[in-house]
Protein backbone atom coordinates (compact mmCIF):
# COMPACT_ATOMS: atom_id res chain seq x y z
CA MET A 1 -13.64 14.83 -0.35
CA LYS A 2 -15.49 18.10 -0.59
CA LEU A 3 -17.09 19.56 -3.73
CA GLU A 4 -14.87 22.68 -3.49
CA VAL A 5 -11.46 20.46 -4.03
CA LEU A 6 -13.01 19.06 -7.21
CA GLN A 7 -13.95 22.42 -8.59
CA SER A 8 -10.53 23.71 -7.54
CA ASP A 9 -8.65 20.83 -9.23
CA MET A 10 -10.82 21.51 -12.36
CA ILE A 11 -9.90 25.21 -12.61
CA VAL A 12 -6.19 24.18 -12.26
CA ALA A 13 -6.69 21.65 -15.06
CA MET A 14 -8.29 24.30 -17.21
CA LYS A 15 -5.35 26.51 -16.66
CA ASN A 16 -2.91 23.73 -17.23
CA LYS A 17 -4.82 23.18 -20.62
CA ASP A 18 -5.40 19.46 -19.72
CA LYS A 19 -8.50 18.78 -21.49
CA LEU A 20 -8.88 14.90 -20.43
CA ARG A 21 -8.46 15.85 -16.74
CA LYS A 22 -10.75 18.99 -17.00
CA ASP A 23 -13.56 17.07 -18.80
CA VAL A 24 -13.50 14.28 -15.92
CA LEU A 25 -13.56 16.58 -13.02
CA SER A 26 -16.22 18.65 -14.94
CA GLY A 27 -18.18 15.41 -15.21
CA LEU A 28 -17.77 14.43 -11.43
CA VAL A 29 -18.73 18.14 -10.29
CA ASP A 30 -21.80 17.93 -12.54
CA ALA A 31 -22.68 14.53 -11.21
CA VAL A 32 -22.42 15.52 -7.61
CA LYS A 33 -24.54 18.65 -8.27
CA LYS A 34 -27.21 16.34 -10.02
CA ALA A 35 -26.99 13.97 -7.09
CA ALA A 36 -28.02 16.97 -4.67
CA ILE A 37 -31.35 17.47 -6.51
CA THR A 38 -33.95 15.05 -5.20
CA ASN A 39 -37.69 14.87 -5.49
CA LYS A 40 -37.92 16.73 -2.30
CA GLY A 41 -35.84 19.50 -3.59
CA ARG A 42 -32.10 20.46 -3.24
CA VAL A 43 -30.05 18.85 -0.45
CA ASP A 44 -26.95 19.94 1.12
CA ILE A 45 -23.62 18.64 -0.58
CA THR A 46 -22.22 16.84 2.11
CA GLU A 47 -18.68 14.65 1.86
CA ASP A 48 -20.81 11.59 2.09
CA LEU A 49 -22.75 12.50 -0.93
CA VAL A 50 -19.67 13.40 -2.80
CA ALA A 51 -17.94 10.07 -1.86
CA GLU A 52 -21.08 8.26 -2.99
CA VAL A 53 -21.15 9.88 -6.25
CA LEU A 54 -17.35 9.26 -6.78
CA LEU A 55 -17.76 5.64 -6.13
CA LYS A 56 -20.60 5.27 -8.48
CA GLU A 57 -18.56 7.07 -11.15
CA GLN A 58 -15.55 4.82 -10.33
CA LYS A 59 -17.71 1.71 -10.83
CA THR A 60 -19.12 3.01 -14.09
CA MET A 61 -15.75 3.86 -15.40
CA GLN A 62 -14.36 0.36 -14.42
CA GLU A 63 -17.38 -1.05 -16.33
CA MET A 64 -16.38 0.85 -19.43
CA VAL A 65 -12.72 -0.37 -19.50
CA ASP A 66 -14.08 -3.92 -18.78
CA ALA A 67 -16.69 -3.76 -21.53
CA CYS A 68 -14.27 -2.10 -24.21
CA PRO A 69 -13.04 -4.67 -26.82
CA ALA A 70 -9.23 -4.92 -26.94
CA SER A 71 -9.29 -4.29 -30.92
CA ARG A 72 -10.24 -0.68 -29.69
CA ALA A 73 -6.99 0.21 -27.84
CA GLU A 74 -6.94 3.76 -28.36
CA LEU A 75 -10.57 3.98 -26.61
CA LEU A 76 -9.50 1.69 -23.98
CA GLU A 77 -6.43 3.70 -23.14
CA GLU A 78 -8.67 6.81 -22.95
CA TYR A 79 -11.00 5.26 -20.61
CA LYS A 80 -8.00 3.68 -18.52
CA ALA A 81 -6.86 7.19 -18.32
CA LYS A 82 -10.41 8.57 -17.06
CA LEU A 83 -10.55 5.71 -14.68
CA ALA A 84 -7.01 6.62 -13.16
CA ILE A 85 -8.26 10.34 -12.59
CA VAL A 86 -11.61 9.19 -10.84
CA ASN A 87 -9.51 6.88 -8.54
CA GLU A 88 -7.43 9.77 -7.44
CA TYR A 89 -10.52 11.14 -5.90
CA ALA A 90 -12.45 8.13 -4.91
CA PRO A 91 -12.33 7.04 -1.34
CA ARG A 92 -10.40 3.97 -0.68
CA LEU A 93 -12.79 1.08 0.27
CA PHE A 94 -12.10 -1.84 2.90
CA THR A 95 -11.56 -4.89 0.87
CA ASP A 96 -10.22 -7.28 3.62
CA ILE A 97 -12.71 -8.87 5.92
CA GLU A 98 -10.15 -8.46 8.90
CA GLU A 99 -10.06 -4.66 8.17
CA ILE A 100 -13.76 -4.57 8.04
CA ARG A 101 -14.38 -6.53 11.35
CA ALA A 102 -11.73 -4.09 13.15
CA TYR A 103 -13.63 -1.26 11.90
CA VAL A 104 -16.86 -2.31 13.06
CA THR A 105 -15.76 -3.32 16.58
CA ASP A 106 -13.24 -0.49 17.13
CA VAL A 107 -14.73 2.60 15.15
CA LEU A 108 -18.60 1.89 15.13
CA GLU A 109 -18.18 -0.14 18.72
CA LEU A 110 -20.77 -2.86 17.71
CA SER A 111 -20.46 -6.40 18.19
CA ILE A 112 -21.00 -8.43 15.03
CA SER A 113 -24.17 -10.20 14.89
CA LYS A 114 -27.32 -10.34 13.21
CA GLU A 115 -29.28 -8.13 15.37
CA ASN A 116 -26.69 -5.27 14.52
CA ARG A 117 -26.54 -6.03 10.63
CA GLY A 118 -28.60 -2.81 9.79
CA ALA A 119 -26.47 -0.60 11.87
CA ILE A 120 -23.29 -2.14 10.55
CA MET A 121 -24.04 -1.90 6.93
CA LYS A 122 -25.32 1.63 7.50
CA GLY A 123 -21.90 2.41 9.13
CA LEU A 124 -19.88 0.71 6.32
CA LYS A 125 -21.71 2.27 3.52
CA GLY A 126 -18.88 4.15 1.35
CA LYS A 127 -16.31 2.75 3.50
CA ALA A 128 -16.31 -0.82 2.56
CA ASP A 129 -16.78 -3.14 -0.21
CA MET A 130 -20.40 -4.22 0.60
CA LYS A 131 -19.92 -7.72 -1.05
CA VAL A 132 -17.00 -8.38 1.41
CA ALA A 133 -19.00 -7.02 4.26
CA ASN A 134 -21.81 -9.54 4.01
CA GLN A 135 -19.48 -12.17 4.90
CA LEU A 136 -19.36 -10.93 8.33
CA PHE A 137 -22.78 -12.51 8.88
CA GLN A 138 -22.27 -15.96 7.18
């Protein structure tokens, strides 16, 4: 996912007067730009950085949905709508241990062993649910 896609979709949402979608996309664009500013200065906005920010925002939205009391139905529906928009853009993570094992051996071309743990986990960052990926080493 590129930042330009988020920005162009935000413009489309503005033209369509879709306030909720525009607000969510605007927040995502701002979060990506903010993440590009580090202690060492501004870094390039790569697809990996965008994916990392999208996953973080997805997790935050999911926590908001989970923490919202059922008695606040209107607020809960708003959170669910925002989460649905974020889910459209967030990368799909591997959640099955067999998918992860196949990715490691086929794409990363690494054998699954404790010696390769660092390289495997680095290669899976942003592509797999890391809790599930840890099961490879048990």
